Amino acid sequence: MERAKKINQTLLALMLSIGVATADNLYCYDGDTCYLNDEPLRLLGVDTPELPSASGYLAKYFVNDWLATANNIEIVFSGRRGYYGRQLVDIYIDGQNLSKVLIERGYGEVYE
């Protein structure tokens, strides 16, 4: 088990250094904060309501439901970290930018 965890951490470090990853172990805590394994990720360009607000849960469930049914997930790392140390990323689900879809559907607002 410990060896598998070390291999996963090594693979994650490699993906982070390359700048692009696909995601099997991606989970979103809320609409704009996700985790790839244990690595916190922050979506670029969008701000969603915080939990435990009802709209925050709607954003969270929208993202996780979409991830669960996705055929292709791509994470593009900016190489930067945000205020709380999270990797700043763009996530594409079946070719669509997650941040843009969240804004278009009313789950979030533009964040710069």
N, C-alpha and C. Protein backbone atom coordinates (compact mmCIF):
# COMPACT_ATOMS: atom_id res chain seq x y z
N MET A 1 0.81 -1.19 0.00
CA MET A 1 0.00 0.00 0.00
C MET A 1 0.87 1.27 0.00
N GLU A 2 1.91 1.27 0.85
CA GLU A 2 2.80 2.42 0.93
C GLU A 2 3.53 2.63 -0.39
N ARG A 3 3.92 1.54 -1.04
CA ARG A 3 4.61 1.65 -2.33
C ARG A 3 3.68 2.24 -3.38
N ALA A 4 2.43 1.82 -3.39
CA ALA A 4 1.46 2.36 -4.36
C ALA A 4 1.26 3.85 -4.14
N LYS A 5 1.21 4.28 -2.87
CA LYS A 5 1.04 5.70 -2.57
C LYS A 5 2.25 6.48 -3.07
N LYS A 6 3.45 5.93 -2.88
CA LYS A 6 4.66 6.61 -3.34
C LYS A 6 4.68 6.71 -4.86
N ILE A 7 4.25 5.66 -5.55
CA ILE A 7 4.19 5.68 -7.01
C ILE A 7 3.19 6.74 -7.46
N ASN A 8 2.01 6.80 -6.82
CA ASN A 8 1.02 7.82 -7.16
C ASN A 8 1.57 9.23 -6.96
N GLN A 9 2.29 9.45 -5.87
CA GLN A 9 2.87 10.76 -5.62
C GLN A 9 3.92 11.10 -6.67
N THR A 10 4.70 10.13 -7.08
CA THR A 10 5.71 10.34 -8.11
C THR A 10 5.05 10.67 -9.45
N LEU A 11 4.00 9.93 -9.79
CA LEU A 11 3.28 10.22 -11.04
C LEU A 11 2.65 11.60 -11.01
N LEU A 12 2.07 11.99 -9.88
CA LEU A 12 1.48 13.31 -9.76
C LEU A 12 2.55 14.39 -9.92
N ALA A 13 3.70 14.20 -9.30
CA ALA A 13 4.78 15.18 -9.43
C ALA A 13 5.22 15.29 -10.89
N LEU A 14 5.29 14.18 -11.59
CA LEU A 14 5.65 14.20 -13.00
C LEU A 14 4.60 14.95 -13.81
N MET A 15 3.32 14.66 -13.57
CA MET A 15 2.25 15.35 -14.29
C MET A 15 2.30 16.85 -14.01
N LEU A 16 2.55 17.23 -12.78
CA LEU A 16 2.62 18.65 -12.43
C LEU A 16 3.78 19.32 -13.15
N SER A 17 4.90 18.62 -13.27
CA SER A 17 6.05 19.22 -13.92
C SER A 17 5.84 19.36 -15.43
N ILE A 18 5.08 18.45 -16.02
CA ILE A 18 4.80 18.51 -17.45
C ILE A 18 3.80 19.62 -17.75
N GLY A 19 2.81 19.80 -16.89
CA GLY A 19 1.84 20.86 -17.08
C GLY A 19 0.47 20.40 -17.49
N VAL A 20 0.32 19.14 -17.87
CA VAL A 20 -0.99 18.61 -18.28
C VAL A 20 -1.17 17.24 -17.65
N ALA A 21 -2.39 16.97 -17.20
CA ALA A 21 -2.68 15.66 -16.62
C ALA A 21 -4.10 15.26 -16.98
N THR A 22 -4.33 13.97 -17.02
CA THR A 22 -5.70 13.48 -17.08
C THR A 22 -6.04 13.00 -15.68
N ALA A 23 -7.32 12.92 -15.37
CA ALA A 23 -7.67 12.69 -13.98
C ALA A 23 -8.61 11.53 -13.79
N ASP A 24 -8.15 10.54 -13.05
CA ASP A 24 -9.02 9.47 -12.59
C ASP A 24 -9.42 9.73 -11.14
N ASN A 25 -8.55 10.35 -10.37
CA ASN A 25 -8.79 10.61 -8.95
C ASN A 25 -9.03 12.09 -8.71
N LEU A 26 -9.98 12.66 -9.43
CA LEU A 26 -10.30 14.08 -9.28
C LEU A 26 -11.64 14.21 -8.58
N TYR A 27 -11.65 15.01 -7.52
CA TYR A 27 -12.87 15.26 -6.76
C TYR A 27 -12.92 16.74 -6.46
N CYS A 28 -14.09 17.34 -6.57
CA CYS A 28 -14.21 18.76 -6.27
C CYS A 28 -14.91 18.97 -4.94
N TYR A 29 -14.21 19.70 -4.07
CA TYR A 29 -14.72 20.00 -2.74
C TYR A 29 -15.87 20.99 -2.82
N ASP A 30 -15.71 21.98 -3.67
CA ASP A 30 -16.78 22.92 -3.97
C ASP A 30 -16.67 23.26 -5.45
N GLY A 31 -17.27 24.30 -5.91
CA GLY A 31 -17.28 24.57 -7.34
C GLY A 31 -15.94 24.95 -7.92
N ASP A 32 -15.06 25.56 -7.13
CA ASP A 32 -13.79 26.04 -7.70
C ASP A 32 -12.54 25.46 -7.03
N THR A 33 -12.71 24.52 -6.11
CA THR A 33 -11.58 23.86 -5.47
C THR A 33 -11.72 22.35 -5.65
N CYS A 34 -10.72 21.76 -6.29
CA CYS A 34 -10.73 20.32 -6.53
C CYS A 34 -9.46 19.71 -5.95
N TYR A 35 -9.46 18.40 -5.88
CA TYR A 35 -8.29 17.66 -5.41
C TYR A 35 -7.98 16.57 -6.42
N LEU A 36 -6.72 16.50 -6.83
CA LEU A 36 -6.21 15.40 -7.64
C LEU A 36 -5.34 14.59 -6.70
N ASN A 37 -5.82 13.41 -6.31
CA ASN A 37 -5.23 12.67 -5.20
C ASN A 37 -5.32 13.58 -3.98
N ASP A 38 -4.23 13.97 -3.39
CA ASP A 38 -4.28 14.87 -2.24
C ASP A 38 -3.84 16.29 -2.58
N GLU A 39 -3.59 16.57 -3.84
CA GLU A 39 -3.10 17.88 -4.26
C GLU A 39 -4.27 18.84 -4.50
N PRO A 40 -4.33 19.95 -3.73
CA PRO A 40 -5.43 20.90 -3.94
C PRO A 40 -5.23 21.72 -5.21
N LEU A 41 -6.30 21.88 -5.95
CA LEU A 41 -6.30 22.62 -7.20
C LEU A 41 -7.33 23.75 -7.12
N ARG A 42 -7.02 24.90 -7.71
CA ARG A 42 -7.95 26.03 -7.75
C ARG A 42 -8.20 26.38 -9.20
N LEU A 43 -9.48 26.36 -9.59
CA LEU A 43 -9.84 26.70 -10.96
C LEU A 43 -9.51 28.17 -11.25
N LEU A 44 -8.94 28.40 -12.40
CA LEU A 44 -8.66 29.75 -12.86
C LEU A 44 -9.93 30.40 -13.41
N GLY A 45 -10.09 31.68 -13.14
CA GLY A 45 -11.11 32.47 -13.82
C GLY A 45 -12.52 32.38 -13.29
N VAL A 46 -12.75 31.65 -12.21
CA VAL A 46 -14.11 31.51 -11.69
C VAL A 46 -14.10 31.53 -10.16
N ASP A 47 -15.15 32.12 -9.60
CA ASP A 47 -15.36 32.07 -8.16
C ASP A 47 -16.77 31.56 -7.93
N THR A 48 -16.90 30.50 -7.16
CA THR A 48 -18.21 29.94 -6.85
C THR A 48 -18.52 30.19 -5.38
N PRO A 49 -19.80 30.16 -5.01
CA PRO A 49 -20.18 30.39 -3.62
C PRO A 49 -19.53 29.36 -2.68
N GLU A 50 -19.26 29.82 -1.49
CA GLU A 50 -18.63 28.95 -0.49
C GLU A 50 -19.65 28.02 0.14
N LEU A 51 -19.16 26.88 0.61
CA LEU A 51 -19.99 25.99 1.41
C LEU A 51 -20.06 26.57 2.82
N PRO A 52 -21.14 26.44 3.52
CA PRO A 52 -22.27 25.55 3.31
C PRO A 52 -23.49 26.21 2.66
N SER A 53 -23.30 27.24 1.84
CA SER A 53 -24.47 27.87 1.22
C SER A 53 -25.11 26.90 0.23
N ALA A 54 -26.41 27.05 0.03
CA ALA A 54 -27.13 26.17 -0.89
C ALA A 54 -26.57 26.28 -2.30
N SER A 55 -26.23 27.50 -2.73
CA SER A 55 -25.68 27.67 -4.08
C SER A 55 -24.28 27.08 -4.18
N GLY A 56 -23.54 27.06 -3.08
CA GLY A 56 -22.23 26.41 -3.06
C GLY A 56 -22.36 24.91 -3.27
N TYR A 57 -23.36 24.30 -2.61
CA TYR A 57 -23.60 22.87 -2.81
C TYR A 57 -24.07 22.57 -4.22
N LEU A 58 -24.88 23.44 -4.80
CA LEU A 58 -25.32 23.23 -6.19
C LEU A 58 -24.13 23.20 -7.14
N ALA A 59 -23.19 24.14 -6.95
CA ALA A 59 -21.99 24.17 -7.80
C ALA A 59 -21.16 22.90 -7.61
N LYS A 60 -20.98 22.50 -6.37
CA LYS A 60 -20.21 21.29 -6.06
C LYS A 60 -20.84 20.07 -6.72
N TYR A 61 -22.15 19.89 -6.56
CA TYR A 61 -22.81 18.71 -7.13
C TYR A 61 -22.80 18.75 -8.65
N PHE A 62 -22.95 19.93 -9.24
CA PHE A 62 -22.88 20.05 -10.70
C PHE A 62 -21.53 19.55 -11.20
N VAL A 63 -20.45 20.04 -10.59
CA VAL A 63 -19.10 19.66 -11.03
C VAL A 63 -18.86 18.17 -10.83
N ASN A 64 -19.15 17.64 -9.66
CA ASN A 64 -18.87 16.23 -9.40
C ASN A 64 -19.75 15.30 -10.22
N ASP A 65 -20.99 15.68 -10.48
CA ASP A 65 -21.84 14.87 -11.37
C ASP A 65 -21.27 14.85 -12.78
N TRP A 66 -20.81 16.00 -13.25
CA TRP A 66 -20.23 16.07 -14.60
C TRP A 66 -18.95 15.26 -14.67
N LEU A 67 -18.11 15.35 -13.65
CA LEU A 67 -16.88 14.56 -13.63
C LEU A 67 -17.19 13.06 -13.67
N ALA A 68 -18.22 12.64 -12.95
CA ALA A 68 -18.55 11.22 -12.87
C ALA A 68 -19.01 10.65 -14.20
N THR A 69 -19.55 11.48 -15.07
CA THR A 69 -20.06 10.99 -16.36
C THR A 69 -19.15 11.36 -17.53
N ALA A 70 -18.05 12.01 -17.25
CA ALA A 70 -17.16 12.49 -18.32
C ALA A 70 -16.44 11.36 -19.02
N ASN A 71 -16.23 11.55 -20.31
CA ASN A 71 -15.42 10.62 -21.09
C ASN A 71 -13.94 11.02 -21.05
N ASN A 72 -13.69 12.32 -20.94
CA ASN A 72 -12.32 12.81 -20.98
C ASN A 72 -12.18 14.01 -20.05
N ILE A 73 -11.19 13.95 -19.18
CA ILE A 73 -10.90 15.06 -18.26
C ILE A 73 -9.43 15.43 -18.46
N GLU A 74 -9.18 16.70 -18.69
CA GLU A 74 -7.81 17.18 -18.86
C GLU A 74 -7.59 18.34 -17.90
N ILE A 75 -6.48 18.30 -17.20
CA ILE A 75 -6.11 19.36 -16.28
C ILE A 75 -4.87 20.05 -16.83
N VAL A 76 -4.96 21.37 -16.99
CA VAL A 76 -3.82 22.14 -17.49
C VAL A 76 -3.32 23.01 -16.34
N PHE A 77 -2.10 22.75 -15.93
CA PHE A 77 -1.51 23.45 -14.80
C PHE A 77 -0.84 24.74 -15.29
N SER A 78 -1.09 25.82 -14.58
CA SER A 78 -0.50 27.12 -14.95
C SER A 78 0.94 27.24 -14.46
N GLY A 79 1.34 26.39 -13.52
CA GLY A 79 2.67 26.50 -12.94
C GLY A 79 2.72 27.50 -11.79
N ARG A 80 1.56 28.04 -11.43
CA ARG A 80 1.49 29.01 -10.33
C ARG A 80 0.62 28.46 -9.21
N ARG A 81 0.80 29.03 -8.05
CA ARG A 81 -0.04 28.68 -6.90
C ARG A 81 -0.78 29.93 -6.45
N GLY A 82 -1.98 29.71 -5.93
CA GLY A 82 -2.80 30.81 -5.45
C GLY A 82 -2.48 31.18 -4.01
N TYR A 83 -3.29 32.06 -3.46
CA TYR A 83 -3.10 32.60 -2.12
C TYR A 83 -2.99 31.51 -1.06
N TYR A 84 -3.80 30.47 -1.17
CA TYR A 84 -3.80 29.38 -0.18
C TYR A 84 -2.89 28.22 -0.57
N GLY A 85 -2.03 28.42 -1.55
CA GLY A 85 -1.06 27.40 -1.93
C GLY A 85 -1.57 26.36 -2.91
N ARG A 86 -2.79 26.54 -3.40
CA ARG A 86 -3.35 25.57 -4.35
C ARG A 86 -2.79 25.80 -5.74
N GLN A 87 -2.58 24.70 -6.47
CA GLN A 87 -2.17 24.79 -7.87
C GLN A 87 -3.29 25.48 -8.65
N LEU A 88 -2.95 26.46 -9.49
CA LEU A 88 -3.94 27.14 -10.32
C LEU A 88 -4.04 26.41 -11.65
N VAL A 89 -5.26 25.98 -11.99
CA VAL A 89 -5.45 25.10 -13.15
C VAL A 89 -6.68 25.49 -13.97
N ASP A 90 -6.66 25.03 -15.20
CA ASP A 90 -7.85 24.96 -16.03
C ASP A 90 -8.20 23.49 -16.14
N ILE A 91 -9.48 23.17 -16.02
CA ILE A 91 -9.94 21.80 -16.19
C ILE A 91 -10.89 21.76 -17.38
N TYR A 92 -10.63 20.82 -18.27
CA TYR A 92 -11.49 20.62 -19.45
C TYR A 92 -12.19 19.28 -19.30
N ILE A 93 -13.50 19.32 -19.38
CA ILE A 93 -14.30 18.11 -19.31
C ILE A 93 -14.94 17.91 -20.67
N ASP A 94 -14.58 16.79 -21.31
CA ASP A 94 -15.05 16.50 -22.66
C ASP A 94 -14.86 17.71 -23.58
N GLY A 95 -13.70 18.35 -23.44
CA GLY A 95 -13.32 19.46 -24.31
C GLY A 95 -13.86 20.82 -23.90
N GLN A 96 -14.65 20.90 -22.85
CA GLN A 96 -15.22 22.17 -22.41
C GLN A 96 -14.53 22.68 -21.16
N ASN A 97 -14.21 23.97 -21.14
CA ASN A 97 -13.54 24.58 -20.00
C ASN A 97 -14.53 24.67 -18.84
N LEU A 98 -14.21 24.02 -17.74
CA LEU A 98 -15.09 23.95 -16.58
C LEU A 98 -15.41 25.33 -16.03
N SER A 99 -14.44 26.21 -15.93
CA SER A 99 -14.67 27.55 -15.39
C SER A 99 -15.71 28.30 -16.23
N LYS A 100 -15.56 28.24 -17.54
CA LYS A 100 -16.50 28.94 -18.43
C LYS A 100 -17.90 28.37 -18.31
N VAL A 101 -18.01 27.06 -18.21
CA VAL A 101 -19.33 26.43 -18.09
C VAL A 101 -19.99 26.81 -16.76
N LEU A 102 -19.21 26.84 -15.68
CA LEU A 102 -19.76 27.25 -14.39
C LEU A 102 -20.34 28.66 -14.46
N ILE A 103 -19.63 29.56 -15.13
CA ILE A 103 -20.10 30.94 -15.27
C ILE A 103 -21.34 30.99 -16.16
N GLU A 104 -21.28 30.32 -17.31
CA GLU A 104 -22.41 30.33 -18.25
C GLU A 104 -23.69 29.78 -17.63
N ARG A 105 -23.56 28.79 -16.77
CA ARG A 105 -24.74 28.16 -16.16
C ARG A 105 -25.16 28.82 -14.85
N GLY A 106 -24.46 29.85 -14.45
CA GLY A 106 -24.85 30.61 -13.27
C GLY A 106 -24.37 30.05 -11.94
N TYR A 107 -23.43 29.12 -11.98
CA TYR A 107 -22.89 28.56 -10.74
C TYR A 107 -21.74 29.37 -10.17
N GLY A 108 -21.19 30.27 -10.96
CA GLY A 108 -20.05 31.07 -10.51
C GLY A 108 -19.97 32.38 -11.25
N GLU A 109 -19.01 33.20 -10.81
CA GLU A 109 -18.77 34.50 -11.42
C GLU A 109 -17.33 34.57 -11.89
N VAL A 110 -17.08 35.48 -12.83
CA VAL A 110 -15.72 35.69 -13.32
C VAL A 110 -14.85 36.15 -12.16
N TYR A 111 -13.66 35.55 -12.07
CA TYR A 111 -12.70 35.88 -11.02
C TYR A 111 -11.33 36.08 -11.65
N GLU A 112 -10.72 37.20 -11.35
CA GLU A 112 -9.40 37.49 -11.94
C GLU A 112 -8.33 37.56 -10.90
